[in-house]
Amino acid sequence: MSDAPQDRVAAVDLQTNRPHSARVYDYIMGGKDNFAADRDTAAKVLTDWPGLRTSMLANRACMHRMARHLTGLGVRQFIDVGTGIPSSPNLHEVVQETAPDAHVVYVDNDPIVLAHARALLTGTPQGHIAYIQADMRAPETLLGDSTLHQVIDFSQPVALTVIAMLQFVEDAQGMVQSLLEPLPSGSHFAVTIPTDELAPESERLAREYTDRGIPMYLRGRAEVERLFTGLELLDPGIVPMPRWHPGPDDEPLPDTATNMYAAVGRKP
């Protein structure tokens, strides 16, 4: 990868005086790529819900299980929308443990993620990893990106993963449908998505994010089900994250310990 992508970051206003969802997440998870506005927001939401970090850790563990499960089903192409600031193991590292030839395209609109794209692009020699700077709320732009079509073969099944991101999209169903439309039969859609039906602190958390300039939309189970219109839900369906194929070493968590549903569907 050339120096050009990272060099372009300098020309972009990072808006360090305003919190950004990826940087708030980074701080809560112990990262260093954040600013005062992000840390202030994180401190407030953690005051409102001290268990948020537990939920975030559960989300990351769920993403790892989904990646392994999909790889086990034979999927070798992944489009990860809303990648966030890199934190190892990334999706491609999990996938390429068992499928070194896998192709993964990461997508995010945060310039700080662009600055760390090299970390995302370190994969196996047999596979192919790419990063696209794009806004998931403009799916037509993403789908028209030349890099996407260089890495992903749209005649073969693809896994679309949208992990803990749809809460920042008002028309989540429209976005998902647009991204799924060009994917062939046998493709999969994997999602974790915040709800107000599990942890009682979720509504307060959403208000805090929204008040600080990061609009957050919580979805009930019925809305999550609509995201899978036309898809075949895989076992165990739409469940709280810790109940999506937990591993033998995973710590049992009550449903109220997290604020997200998890589900995977297959395109017939």
Foldseek 3Di string as FASTA:
>chain_A
DDCVLLVCLVVDDLPLVAADPLQLLCVLQPHDPHHPNSVVLNVVLCVLPVLASVQVVLLVVLLLVVLLVVVVVVAQEEEEEAQGADDPPGSQNSNCVPPQAGFYEYEEQRSVNSNVVVVQQDGHPNYGYYYDNDDLQCVVVVVPDPVCVVGDDQVDAYEYEYGAHCQQPPPSLVSLCSNCVSHDAFHKYKYKFFACPAAVSRVVSQVSCVVRPRHTHHDDPVVVVSSQVQWAWDPPGWDQSCPPPHDPPDDDDDRNSHGIIITMTGHD
